[in-house]
Full PDB file with SEQRES, HELIX, SHEET, SSBOND, CRYST1, ORIGX, SCALE, CONECT and MASTER records, all heavy atoms in Angstrom:
SEQRES   1 A   40  GLU ARG ALA PHE ALA HIS TYR LEU GLY ASN GLY VAL SER          
SEQRES   2 A   40  ALA ALA VAL PHE LYS ALA ALA LEU ARG ILE PRO ASN PHE          
SEQRES   3 A   40  LEU GLN ASN LEU PHE GLY GLU GLY VAL LEU SER GLY SER          
SEQRES   4 A   40  PHE                                                          
HELIX    1 AA1 ARG A    2  LEU A    8  1                                   7    
HELIX    2 AA2 VAL A   12  ARG A   22  1                                  11    
HELIX    3 AA3 ASN A   25  PHE A   31  1                                   7    
HELIX    4 AA4 GLU A   33  SER A   39  1                                   7    
CRYST1    1.000    1.000    1.000  90.00  90.00  90.00 P 1           1          
ORIGX1      1.000000  0.000000  0.000000        0.00000                         
ORIGX2      0.000000  1.000000  0.000000        0.00000                         
ORIGX3      0.000000  0.000000  1.000000        0.00000                         
SCALE1      1.000000  0.000000  0.000000        0.00000                         
SCALE2      0.000000  1.000000  0.000000        0.00000                         
SCALE3      0.000000  0.000000  1.000000        0.00000                         
ATOM      1  N   GLU A   1      31.238 -24.107  31.057  1.00  0.00           N  
ATOM      2  CA  GLU A   1      32.634 -23.683  30.931  1.00  0.00           C  
ATOM      3  C   GLU A   1      33.520 -24.369  31.966  1.00  0.00           C  
ATOM      4  O   GLU A   1      34.680 -24.673  31.695  1.00  0.00           O  
ATOM      5  CB  GLU A   1      32.730 -22.158  31.073  1.00  0.00           C  
ATOM      6  CG  GLU A   1      32.225 -21.400  29.864  1.00  0.00           C  
ATOM      7  CD  GLU A   1      33.000 -21.750  28.603  1.00  0.00           C  
ATOM      8  OE1 GLU A   1      34.181 -21.396  28.507  1.00  0.00           O  
ATOM      9  OE2 GLU A   1      32.424 -22.397  27.707  1.00  0.00           O  
ATOM     10  N   ARG A   2      32.969 -24.584  33.152  1.00  0.00           N  
ATOM     11  CA  ARG A   2      33.759 -25.283  34.175  1.00  0.00           C  
ATOM     12  C   ARG A   2      34.028 -26.720  33.752  1.00  0.00           C  
ATOM     13  O   ARG A   2      35.135 -27.241  33.933  1.00  0.00           O  
ATOM     14  CB  ARG A   2      33.027 -25.237  35.513  1.00  0.00           C  
ATOM     15  CG  ARG A   2      33.843 -25.803  36.669  1.00  0.00           C  
ATOM     16  CD  ARG A   2      33.170 -25.531  38.007  1.00  0.00           C  
ATOM     17  NE  ARG A   2      33.948 -26.092  39.107  1.00  0.00           N  
ATOM     18  CZ  ARG A   2      34.964 -25.493  39.707  1.00  0.00           C  
ATOM     19  NH1 ARG A   2      35.322 -24.282  39.303  1.00  0.00           N  
ATOM     20  NH2 ARG A   2      35.618 -26.068  40.697  1.00  0.00           N  
ATOM     21  N   ALA A   3      33.009 -27.375  33.187  1.00  0.00           N  
ATOM     22  CA  ALA A   3      33.212 -28.740  32.689  1.00  0.00           C  
ATOM     23  C   ALA A   3      34.216 -28.752  31.542  1.00  0.00           C  
ATOM     24  O   ALA A   3      35.082 -29.637  31.459  1.00  0.00           O  
ATOM     25  CB  ALA A   3      31.876 -29.333  32.240  1.00  0.00           C  
ATOM     26  N   PHE A   4      34.103 -27.740  30.668  1.00  0.00           N  
ATOM     27  CA  PHE A   4      35.047 -27.649  29.551  1.00  0.00           C  
ATOM     28  C   PHE A   4      36.467 -27.440  30.076  1.00  0.00           C  
ATOM     29  O   PHE A   4      37.423 -28.079  29.595  1.00  0.00           O  
ATOM     30  CB  PHE A   4      34.644 -26.479  28.643  1.00  0.00           C  
ATOM     31  CG  PHE A   4      35.386 -26.435  27.346  1.00  0.00           C  
ATOM     32  CD1 PHE A   4      34.873 -27.042  26.205  1.00  0.00           C  
ATOM     33  CD2 PHE A   4      36.605 -25.781  27.237  1.00  0.00           C  
ATOM     34  CE1 PHE A   4      35.550 -27.002  25.008  1.00  0.00           C  
ATOM     35  CE2 PHE A   4      37.300 -25.731  26.041  1.00  0.00           C  
ATOM     36  CZ  PHE A   4      36.769 -26.344  24.922  1.00  0.00           C  
ATOM     37  N   ALA A   5      36.614 -26.542  31.054  1.00  0.00           N  
ATOM     38  CA  ALA A   5      37.943 -26.290  31.617  1.00  0.00           C  
ATOM     39  C   ALA A   5      38.491 -27.538  32.308  1.00  0.00           C  
ATOM     40  O   ALA A   5      39.699 -27.824  32.244  1.00  0.00           O  
ATOM     41  CB  ALA A   5      37.862 -25.129  32.611  1.00  0.00           C  
ATOM     42  N   HIS A   6      37.609 -28.299  32.962  1.00  0.00           N  
ATOM     43  CA  HIS A   6      38.061 -29.491  33.677  1.00  0.00           C  
ATOM     44  C   HIS A   6      38.594 -30.547  32.717  1.00  0.00           C  
ATOM     45  O   HIS A   6      39.650 -31.152  32.965  1.00  0.00           O  
ATOM     46  CB  HIS A   6      36.900 -30.069  34.495  1.00  0.00           C  
ATOM     47  CG  HIS A   6      37.269 -31.285  35.287  1.00  0.00           C  
ATOM     48  ND1 HIS A   6      37.883 -31.207  36.517  1.00  0.00           N  
ATOM     49  CD2 HIS A   6      37.135 -32.624  35.020  1.00  0.00           C  
ATOM     50  CE1 HIS A   6      38.101 -32.430  36.970  1.00  0.00           C  
ATOM     51  NE2 HIS A   6      37.656 -33.311  36.080  1.00  0.00           N  
ATOM     52  N   TYR A   7      37.886 -30.777  31.613  1.00  0.00           N  
ATOM     53  CA  TYR A   7      38.254 -31.870  30.711  1.00  0.00           C  
ATOM     54  C   TYR A   7      39.214 -31.449  29.601  1.00  0.00           C  
ATOM     55  O   TYR A   7      39.977 -32.271  29.100  1.00  0.00           O  
ATOM     56  CB  TYR A   7      36.993 -32.476  30.095  1.00  0.00           C  
ATOM     57  CG  TYR A   7      36.181 -33.269  31.075  1.00  0.00           C  
ATOM     58  CD1 TYR A   7      34.946 -32.800  31.510  1.00  0.00           C  
ATOM     59  CD2 TYR A   7      36.642 -34.477  31.596  1.00  0.00           C  
ATOM     60  CE1 TYR A   7      34.184 -33.522  32.424  1.00  0.00           C  
ATOM     61  CE2 TYR A   7      35.890 -35.196  32.514  1.00  0.00           C  
ATOM     62  CZ  TYR A   7      34.664 -34.714  32.927  1.00  0.00           C  
ATOM     63  OH  TYR A   7      33.934 -35.432  33.837  1.00  0.00           O  
ATOM     64  N   LEU A   8      39.172 -30.194  29.189  1.00  0.00           N  
ATOM     65  CA  LEU A   8      40.045 -29.746  28.090  1.00  0.00           C  
ATOM     66  C   LEU A   8      41.039 -28.676  28.501  1.00  0.00           C  
ATOM     67  O   LEU A   8      41.971 -28.376  27.752  1.00  0.00           O  
ATOM     68  CB  LEU A   8      39.190 -29.232  26.922  1.00  0.00           C  
ATOM     69  CG  LEU A   8      38.517 -30.324  26.087  1.00  0.00           C  
ATOM     70  CD1 LEU A   8      37.468 -29.730  25.163  1.00  0.00           C  
ATOM     71  CD2 LEU A   8      39.553 -31.089  25.279  1.00  0.00           C  
ATOM     72  N   GLY A   9      40.829 -28.059  29.683  1.00  0.00           N  
ATOM     73  CA  GLY A   9      41.792 -27.101  30.200  1.00  0.00           C  
ATOM     74  C   GLY A   9      41.991 -25.910  29.296  1.00  0.00           C  
ATOM     75  O   GLY A   9      41.042 -25.346  28.748  1.00  0.00           O  
ATOM     76  N   ASN A  10      43.250 -25.517  29.126  1.00  0.00           N  
ATOM     77  CA  ASN A  10      43.598 -24.348  28.321  1.00  0.00           C  
ATOM     78  C   ASN A  10      44.657 -24.729  27.293  1.00  0.00           C  
ATOM     79  O   ASN A  10      45.501 -23.913  26.929  1.00  0.00           O  
ATOM     80  CB  ASN A  10      44.108 -23.220  29.227  1.00  0.00           C  
ATOM     81  CG  ASN A  10      43.896 -21.856  28.618  1.00  0.00           C  
ATOM     82  OD1 ASN A  10      43.061 -21.680  27.745  1.00  0.00           O  
ATOM     83  ND2 ASN A  10      44.665 -20.873  29.081  1.00  0.00           N  
ATOM     84  N   GLY A  11      44.596 -25.988  26.837  1.00  0.00           N  
ATOM     85  CA  GLY A  11      45.603 -26.472  25.905  1.00  0.00           C  
ATOM     86  C   GLY A  11      45.259 -26.206  24.452  1.00  0.00           C  
ATOM     87  O   GLY A  11      44.342 -25.442  24.127  1.00  0.00           O  
ATOM     88  N   VAL A  12      45.961 -26.893  23.568  1.00  0.00           N  
ATOM     89  CA  VAL A  12      45.805 -26.660  22.128  1.00  0.00           C  
ATOM     90  C   VAL A  12      44.399 -27.036  21.658  1.00  0.00           C  
ATOM     91  O   VAL A  12      43.755 -26.300  20.920  1.00  0.00           O  
ATOM     92  CB  VAL A  12      46.873 -27.450  21.342  1.00  0.00           C  
ATOM     93  CG1 VAL A  12      46.625 -27.327  19.842  1.00  0.00           C  
ATOM     94  CG2 VAL A  12      48.270 -26.939  21.685  1.00  0.00           C  
ATOM     95  N   SER A  13      43.896 -28.202  22.096  1.00  0.00           N  
ATOM     96  CA  SER A  13      42.562 -28.625  21.657  1.00  0.00           C  
ATOM     97  C   SER A  13      41.490 -27.656  22.120  1.00  0.00           C  
ATOM     98  O   SER A  13      40.524 -27.379  21.397  1.00  0.00           O  
ATOM     99  CB  SER A  13      42.255 -30.033  22.183  1.00  0.00           C  
ATOM    100  OG  SER A  13      43.104 -30.984  21.578  1.00  0.00           O  
ATOM    101  N   ALA A  14      41.649 -27.122  23.331  1.00  0.00           N  
ATOM    102  CA  ALA A  14      40.686 -26.133  23.832  1.00  0.00           C  
ATOM    103  C   ALA A  14      40.709 -24.879  22.976  1.00  0.00           C  
ATOM    104  O   ALA A  14      39.660 -24.332  22.606  1.00  0.00           O  
ATOM    105  CB  ALA A  14      40.996 -25.787  25.287  1.00  0.00           C  
ATOM    106  N   ALA A  15      41.918 -24.417  22.641  1.00  0.00           N  
ATOM    107  CA  ALA A  15      42.036 -23.212  21.813  1.00  0.00           C  
ATOM    108  C   ALA A  15      41.434 -23.433  20.427  1.00  0.00           C  
ATOM    109  O   ALA A  15      40.736 -22.560  19.893  1.00  0.00           O  
ATOM    110  CB  ALA A  15      43.506 -22.807  21.696  1.00  0.00           C  
ATOM    111  N   VAL A  16      41.698 -24.612  19.856  1.00  0.00           N  
ATOM    112  CA  VAL A  16      41.172 -24.911  18.519  1.00  0.00           C  
ATOM    113  C   VAL A  16      39.648 -24.980  18.560  1.00  0.00           C  
ATOM    114  O   VAL A  16      38.962 -24.453  17.673  1.00  0.00           O  
ATOM    115  CB  VAL A  16      41.768 -26.229  17.991  1.00  0.00           C  
ATOM    116  CG1 VAL A  16      41.065 -26.658  16.713  1.00  0.00           C  
ATOM    117  CG2 VAL A  16      43.263 -26.061  17.736  1.00  0.00           C  
ATOM    118  N   PHE A  17      39.095 -25.618  19.602  1.00  0.00           N  
ATOM    119  CA  PHE A  17      37.640 -25.717  19.699  1.00  0.00           C  
ATOM    120  C   PHE A  17      37.003 -24.337  19.816  1.00  0.00           C  
ATOM    121  O   PHE A  17      35.989 -24.053  19.166  1.00  0.00           O  
ATOM    122  CB  PHE A  17      37.251 -26.575  20.906  1.00  0.00           C  
ATOM    123  CG  PHE A  17      35.773 -26.818  21.001  1.00  0.00           C  
ATOM    124  CD1 PHE A  17      35.202 -27.923  20.392  1.00  0.00           C  
ATOM    125  CD2 PHE A  17      34.948 -25.942  21.684  1.00  0.00           C  
ATOM    126  CE1 PHE A  17      33.836 -28.151  20.464  1.00  0.00           C  
ATOM    127  CE2 PHE A  17      33.580 -26.150  21.755  1.00  0.00           C  
ATOM    128  CZ  PHE A  17      33.025 -27.262  21.147  1.00  0.00           C  
ATOM    129  N   LYS A  18      37.574 -23.475  20.651  1.00  0.00           N  
ATOM    130  CA  LYS A  18      37.010 -22.128  20.819  1.00  0.00           C  
ATOM    131  C   LYS A  18      37.053 -21.361  19.500  1.00  0.00           C  
ATOM    132  O   LYS A  18      36.107 -20.634  19.162  1.00  0.00           O  
ATOM    133  CB  LYS A  18      37.787 -21.369  21.897  1.00  0.00           C  
ATOM    134  CG  LYS A  18      37.710 -21.983  23.290  1.00  0.00           C  
ATOM    135  CD  LYS A  18      36.323 -21.894  23.873  1.00  0.00           C  
ATOM    136  CE  LYS A  18      36.302 -22.340  25.329  1.00  0.00           C  
ATOM    137  NZ  LYS A  18      34.959 -22.278  25.932  1.00  0.00           N  
ATOM    138  N   ALA A  19      38.148 -21.503  18.772  1.00  0.00           N  
ATOM    139  CA  ALA A  19      38.237 -20.834  17.471  1.00  0.00           C  
ATOM    140  C   ALA A  19      37.233 -21.410  16.492  1.00  0.00           C  
ATOM    141  O   ALA A  19      36.563 -20.672  15.757  1.00  0.00           O  
ATOM    142  CB  ALA A  19      39.654 -20.961  16.916  1.00  0.00           C  
ATOM    143  N   ALA A  20      37.106 -22.736  16.490  1.00  0.00           N  
ATOM    144  CA  ALA A  20      36.175 -23.390  15.566  1.00  0.00           C  
ATOM    145  C   ALA A  20      34.738 -22.969  15.854  1.00  0.00           C  
ATOM    146  O   ALA A  20      33.930 -22.799  14.932  1.00  0.00           O  
ATOM    147  CB  ALA A  20      36.320 -24.906  15.683  1.00  0.00           C  
ATOM    148  N   LEU A  21      34.397 -22.785  17.108  1.00  0.00           N  
ATOM    149  CA  LEU A  21      33.047 -22.369  17.467  1.00  0.00           C  
ATOM    150  C   LEU A  21      32.761 -20.943  17.000  1.00  0.00           C  
ATOM    151  O   LEU A  21      31.630 -20.606  16.650  1.00  0.00           O  
ATOM    152  CB  LEU A  21      32.864 -22.484  18.977  1.00  0.00           C  
ATOM    153  CG  LEU A  21      31.435 -22.366  19.515  1.00  0.00           C  
ATOM    154  CD1 LEU A  21      30.538 -23.432  18.916  1.00  0.00           C  
ATOM    155  CD2 LEU A  21      31.441 -22.462  21.043  1.00  0.00           C  
ATOM    156  N   ARG A  22      33.784 -20.117  16.974  1.00  0.00           N  
ATOM    157  CA  ARG A  22      33.592 -18.727  16.555  1.00  0.00           C  
ATOM    158  C   ARG A  22      33.354 -18.591  15.054  1.00  0.00           C  
ATOM    159  O   ARG A  22      32.635 -17.684  14.621  1.00  0.00           O  
ATOM    160  CB  ARG A  22      34.829 -17.890  16.916  1.00  0.00           C  
ATOM    161  CG  ARG A  22      34.899 -17.485  18.363  1.00  0.00           C  
ATOM    162  CD  ARG A  22      35.985 -16.459  18.574  1.00  0.00           C  
ATOM    163  NE  ARG A  22      35.890 -15.879  19.907  1.00  0.00           N  
ATOM    164  CZ  ARG A  22      36.418 -14.724  20.237  1.00  0.00           C  
ATOM    165  NH1 ARG A  22      37.057 -14.016  19.338  1.00  0.00           N  
ATOM    166  NH2 ARG A  22      36.308 -14.256  21.463  1.00  0.00           N  
ATOM    167  N   ILE A  23      33.954 -19.462  14.279  1.00  0.00           N  
ATOM    168  CA  ILE A  23      33.891 -19.284  12.822  1.00  0.00           C  
ATOM    169  C   ILE A  23      32.467 -19.410  12.287  1.00  0.00           C  
ATOM    170  O   ILE A  23      31.986 -18.497  11.601  1.00  0.00           O  
ATOM    171  CB  ILE A  23      34.865 -20.258  12.132  1.00  0.00           C  
ATOM    172  CG1 ILE A  23      36.314 -19.833  12.435  1.00  0.00           C  
ATOM    173  CG2 ILE A  23      34.623 -20.280  10.622  1.00  0.00           C  
ATOM    174  CD1 ILE A  23      37.373 -20.816  11.974  1.00  0.00           C  
ATOM    175  N   PRO A  24      31.721 -20.492  12.569  1.00  0.00           N  
ATOM    176  CA  PRO A  24      30.351 -20.533  12.061  1.00  0.00           C  
ATOM    177  C   PRO A  24      29.414 -19.577  12.784  1.00  0.00           C  
ATOM    178  O   PRO A  24      28.310 -19.307  12.303  1.00  0.00           O  
ATOM    179  CB  PRO A  24      29.928 -21.991  12.295  1.00  0.00           C  
ATOM    180  CG  PRO A  24      30.772 -22.451  13.415  1.00  0.00           C  
ATOM    181  CD  PRO A  24      32.082 -21.743  13.261  1.00  0.00           C  
ATOM    182  N   ASN A  25      29.837 -19.050  13.927  1.00  0.00           N  
ATOM    183  CA  ASN A  25      28.986 -18.115  14.656  1.00  0.00           C  
ATOM    184  C   ASN A  25      28.731 -16.827  13.882  1.00  0.00           C  
ATOM    185  O   ASN A  25      27.834 -16.068  14.244  1.00  0.00           O  
ATOM    186  CB  ASN A  25      29.604 -17.776  16.014  1.00  0.00           C  
ATOM    187  CG  ASN A  25      29.112 -18.718  17.095  1.00  0.00           C  
ATOM    188  OD1 ASN A  25      28.335 -19.626  16.831  1.00  0.00           O  
ATOM    189  ND2 ASN A  25      29.572 -18.514  18.312  1.00  0.00           N  
ATOM    190  N   PHE A  26      29.525 -16.579  12.834  1.00  0.00           N  
ATOM    191  CA  PHE A  26      29.266 -15.372  12.049  1.00  0.00           C  
ATOM    192  C   PHE A  26      27.864 -15.450  11.446  1.00  0.00           C  
ATOM    193  O   PHE A  26      27.190 -14.428  11.265  1.00  0.00           O  
ATOM    194  CB  PHE A  26      30.318 -15.198  10.944  1.00  0.00           C  
ATOM    195  CG  PHE A  26      30.053 -15.972   9.683  1.00  0.00           C  
ATOM    196  CD1 PHE A  26      29.251 -15.458   8.679  1.00  0.00           C  
ATOM    197  CD2 PHE A  26      30.609 -17.234   9.493  1.00  0.00           C  
ATOM    198  CE1 PHE A  26      29.002 -16.177   7.520  1.00  0.00           C  
ATOM    199  CE2 PHE A  26      30.364 -17.954   8.338  1.00  0.00           C  
ATOM    200  CZ  PHE A  26      29.559 -17.415   7.351  1.00  0.00           C  
ATOM    201  N   LEU A  27      27.413 -16.688  11.147  1.00  0.00           N  
ATOM    202  CA  LEU A  27      26.078 -16.861  10.586  1.00  0.00           C  
ATOM    203  C   LEU A  27      25.009 -16.469  11.608  1.00  0.00           C  
ATOM    204  O   LEU A  27      24.055 -15.747  11.295  1.00  0.00           O  
ATOM    205  CB  LEU A  27      25.893 -18.318  10.166  1.00  0.00           C  
ATOM    206  CG  LEU A  27      24.612 -18.666   9.413  1.00  0.00           C  
ATOM    207  CD1 LEU A  27      24.548 -17.907   8.102  1.00  0.00           C  
ATOM    208  CD2 LEU A  27      24.561 -20.174   9.148  1.00  0.00           C  
ATOM    209  N   GLN A  28      25.185 -16.914  12.840  1.00  0.00           N  
ATOM    210  CA  GLN A  28      24.239 -16.557  13.901  1.00  0.00           C  
ATOM    211  C   GLN A  28      24.253 -15.054  14.152  1.00  0.00           C  
ATOM    212  O   GLN A  28      23.204 -14.432  14.359  1.00  0.00           O  
ATOM    213  CB  GLN A  28      24.590 -17.310  15.180  1.00  0.00           C  
ATOM    214  CG  GLN A  28      23.665 -16.989  16.352  1.00  0.00           C  
ATOM    215  CD  GLN A  28      24.170 -17.597  17.644  1.00  0.00           C  
ATOM    216  OE1 GLN A  28      25.193 -18.285  17.666  1.00  0.00           O  
ATOM    217  NE2 GLN A  28      23.470 -17.340  18.736  1.00  0.00           N  
ATOM    218  N   ASN A  29      25.423 -14.455  14.156  1.00  0.00           N  
ATOM    219  CA  ASN A  29      25.523 -13.032  14.448  1.00  0.00           C  
ATOM    220  C   ASN A  29      25.047 -12.166  13.292  1.00  0.00           C  
ATOM    221  O   ASN A  29      24.573 -11.047  13.497  1.00  0.00           O  
ATOM    222  CB  ASN A  29      26.966 -12.672  14.808  1.00  0.00           C  
ATOM    223  CG  ASN A  29      27.378 -13.245  16.145  1.00  0.00           C  
ATOM    224  OD1 ASN A  29      26.637 -13.186  17.111  1.00  0.00           O  
ATOM    225  ND2 ASN A  29      28.565 -13.821  16.216  1.00  0.00           N  
ATOM    226  N   LEU A  30      25.191 -12.663  12.059  1.00  0.00           N  
ATOM    227  CA  LEU A  30      24.709 -11.909  10.902  1.00  0.00           C  
ATOM    228  C   LEU A  30      23.191 -11.954  10.802  1.00  0.00           C  
ATOM    229  O   LEU A  30      22.538 -10.946  10.521  1.00  0.00           O  
ATOM    230  CB  LEU A  30      25.323 -12.467   9.613  1.00  0.00           C  
ATOM    231  CG  LEU A  30      26.717 -11.995   9.224  1.00  0.00           C  
ATOM    232  CD1 LEU A  30      27.113 -12.613   7.903  1.00  0.00           C  
ATOM    233  CD2 LEU A  30      26.794 -10.478   9.141  1.00  0.00           C  
ATOM    234  N   PHE A  31      22.608 -13.142  11.005  1.00  0.00           N  
ATOM    235  CA  PHE A  31      21.183 -13.330  10.771  1.00  0.00           C  
ATOM    236  C   PHE A  31      20.390 -13.552  12.053  1.00  0.00           C  
ATOM    237  O   PHE A  31      19.178 -13.749  11.993  1.00  0.00           O  
ATOM    238  CB  PHE A  31      20.953 -14.538   9.854  1.00  0.00           C  
ATOM    239  CG  PHE A  31      21.436 -14.344   8.452  1.00  0.00           C  
ATOM    240  CD1 PHE A  31      21.567 -15.423   7.601  1.00  0.00           C  
ATOM    241  CD2 PHE A  31      21.759 -13.088   7.962  1.00  0.00           C  
ATOM    242  CE1 PHE A  31      22.007 -15.261   6.295  1.00  0.00           C  
ATOM    243  CE2 PHE A  31      22.196 -12.907   6.667  1.00  0.00           C  
ATOM    244  CZ  PHE A  31      22.328 -13.990   5.831  1.00  0.00           C  
ATOM    245  N   GLY A  32      21.049 -13.561  13.190  1.00  0.00           N  
ATOM    246  CA  GLY A  32      20.389 -13.953  14.421  1.00  0.00           C  
ATOM    247  C   GLY A  32      19.733 -12.825  15.173  1.00  0.00           C  
ATOM    248  O   GLY A  32      19.196 -11.865  14.604  1.00  0.00           O  
ATOM    249  N   GLU A  33      19.782 -12.918  16.506  1.00  0.00           N  
ATOM    250  CA  GLU A  33      18.989 -12.036  17.363  1.00  0.00           C  
ATOM    251  C   GLU A  33      19.263 -10.561  17.129  1.00  0.00           C  
ATOM    252  O   GLU A  33      18.336  -9.745  17.048  1.00  0.00           O  
ATOM    253  CB  GLU A  33      19.268 -12.377  18.838  1.00  0.00           C  
ATOM    254  CG  GLU A  33      18.512 -11.485  19.798  1.00  0.00           C  
ATOM    255  CD  GLU A  33      18.996 -11.640  21.230  1.00  0.00           C  
ATOM    256  OE1 GLU A  33      19.743 -12.601  21.511  1.00  0.00           O  
ATOM    257  OE2 GLU A  33      18.633 -10.803  22.051  1.00  0.00           O  
ATOM    258  N   GLY A  34      20.544 -10.186  17.031  1.00  0.00           N  
ATOM    259  CA  GLY A  34      20.856  -8.772  16.882  1.00  0.00           C  
ATOM    260  C   GLY A  34      20.236  -8.161  15.639  1.00  0.00           C  
ATOM    261  O   GLY A  34      19.709  -7.037  15.661  1.00  0.00           O  
ATOM    262  N   VAL A  35      20.277  -8.900  14.518  1.00  0.00           N  
ATOM    263  CA  VAL A  35      19.728  -8.391  13.266  1.00  0.00           C  
ATOM    264  C   VAL A  35      18.203  -8.383  13.310  1.00  0.00           C  
ATOM    265  O   VAL A  35      17.558  -7.401  12.903  1.00  0.00           O  
ATOM    266  CB  VAL A  35      20.240  -9.230  12.074  1.00  0.00           C  
ATOM    267  CG1 VAL A  35      19.515  -8.847  10.800  1.00  0.00           C  
ATOM    268  CG2 VAL A  35      21.740  -9.026  11.912  1.00  0.00           C  
ATOM    269  N   LEU A  36      17.601  -9.455  13.797  1.00  0.00           N  
ATOM    270  CA  LEU A  36      16.144  -9.501  13.860  1.00  0.00           C  
ATOM    271  C   LEU A  36      15.596  -8.472  14.846  1.00  0.00           C  
ATOM    272  O   LEU A  36      14.500  -7.942  14.656  1.00  0.00           O  
ATOM    273  CB  LEU A  36      15.692 -10.905  14.261  1.00  0.00           C  
ATOM    274  CG  LEU A  36      15.972 -11.994  13.218  1.00  0.00           C  
ATOM    275  CD1 LEU A  36      15.549 -13.351  13.737  1.00  0.00           C  
ATOM    276  CD2 LEU A  36      15.258 -11.701  11.914  1.00  0.00           C  
ATOM    277  N   SER A  37      16.360  -8.166  15.898  1.00  0.00           N  
ATOM    278  CA  SER A  37      15.929  -7.137  16.836  1.00  0.00           C  
ATOM    279  C   SER A  37      15.890  -5.770  16.177  1.00  0.00           C  
ATOM    280  O   SER A  37      15.073  -4.921  16.531  1.00  0.00           O  
ATOM    281  CB  SER A  37      16.872  -7.104  18.048  1.00  0.00           C  
ATOM    282  OG  SER A  37      16.785  -8.300  18.781  1.00  0.00           O  
ATOM    283  N   GLY A  38      16.777  -5.544  15.232  1.00  0.00           N  
ATOM    284  CA  GLY A  38      16.823  -4.244  14.578  1.00  0.00           C  
ATOM    285  C   GLY A  38      15.944  -4.118  13.348  1.00  0.00           C  
ATOM    286  O   GLY A  38      15.687  -3.002  12.883  1.00  0.00           O  
ATOM    287  N   SER A  39      15.454  -5.244  12.817  1.00  0.00           N  
ATOM    288  CA  SER A  39      14.686  -5.188  11.567  1.00  0.00           C  
ATOM    289  C   SER A  39      13.297  -5.795  11.705  1.00  0.00           C  
ATOM    290  O   SER A  39      12.290  -5.169  11.369  1.00  0.00           O  
ATOM    291  CB  SER A  39      15.456  -5.910  10.450  1.00  0.00           C  
ATOM    292  OG  SER A  39      15.725  -7.258  10.809  1.00  0.00           O  
ATOM    293  N   PHE A  40      13.215  -7.005  12.217  1.00  0.00           N  
ATOM    294  CA  PHE A  40      11.946  -7.718  12.284  1.00  0.00           C  
ATOM    295  C   PHE A  40      11.059  -7.235  13.438  1.00  0.00           C  
ATOM    296  O   PHE A  40       9.876  -6.927  13.252  1.00  0.00           O  
ATOM    297  CB  PHE A  40      12.230  -9.221  12.404  1.00  0.00           C  
ATOM    298  CG  PHE A  40      11.022 -10.067  12.669  1.00  0.00           C  
ATOM    299  CD1 PHE A  40       9.926 -10.046  11.821  1.00  0.00           C  
ATOM    300  CD2 PHE A  40      10.974 -10.906  13.781  1.00  0.00           C  
ATOM    301  CE1 PHE A  40       8.810 -10.837  12.070  1.00  0.00           C  
ATOM    302  CE2 PHE A  40       9.879 -11.695  14.039  1.00  0.00           C  
ATOM    303  CZ  PHE A  40       8.794 -11.657  13.174  1.00  0.00           C  
TER     304      PHE A  40                                                      
MASTER        0    0    0    4    0    0    0    6  303    1    0    4          
END                                                                             
C-alpha cells in the first residue's frame, strides 16, 4: 500500500484501480475462504 500510495497517490487512477479490484473480488468472497470455512 505504501508503494501504491507513492506511485499512484490518491488521484483518479488510484480510485479507479481500487474500485476495479473490488468488482471481481465478489467471486473470491462468494466462493472463497469465508464460504469454504462455513461449508467445507
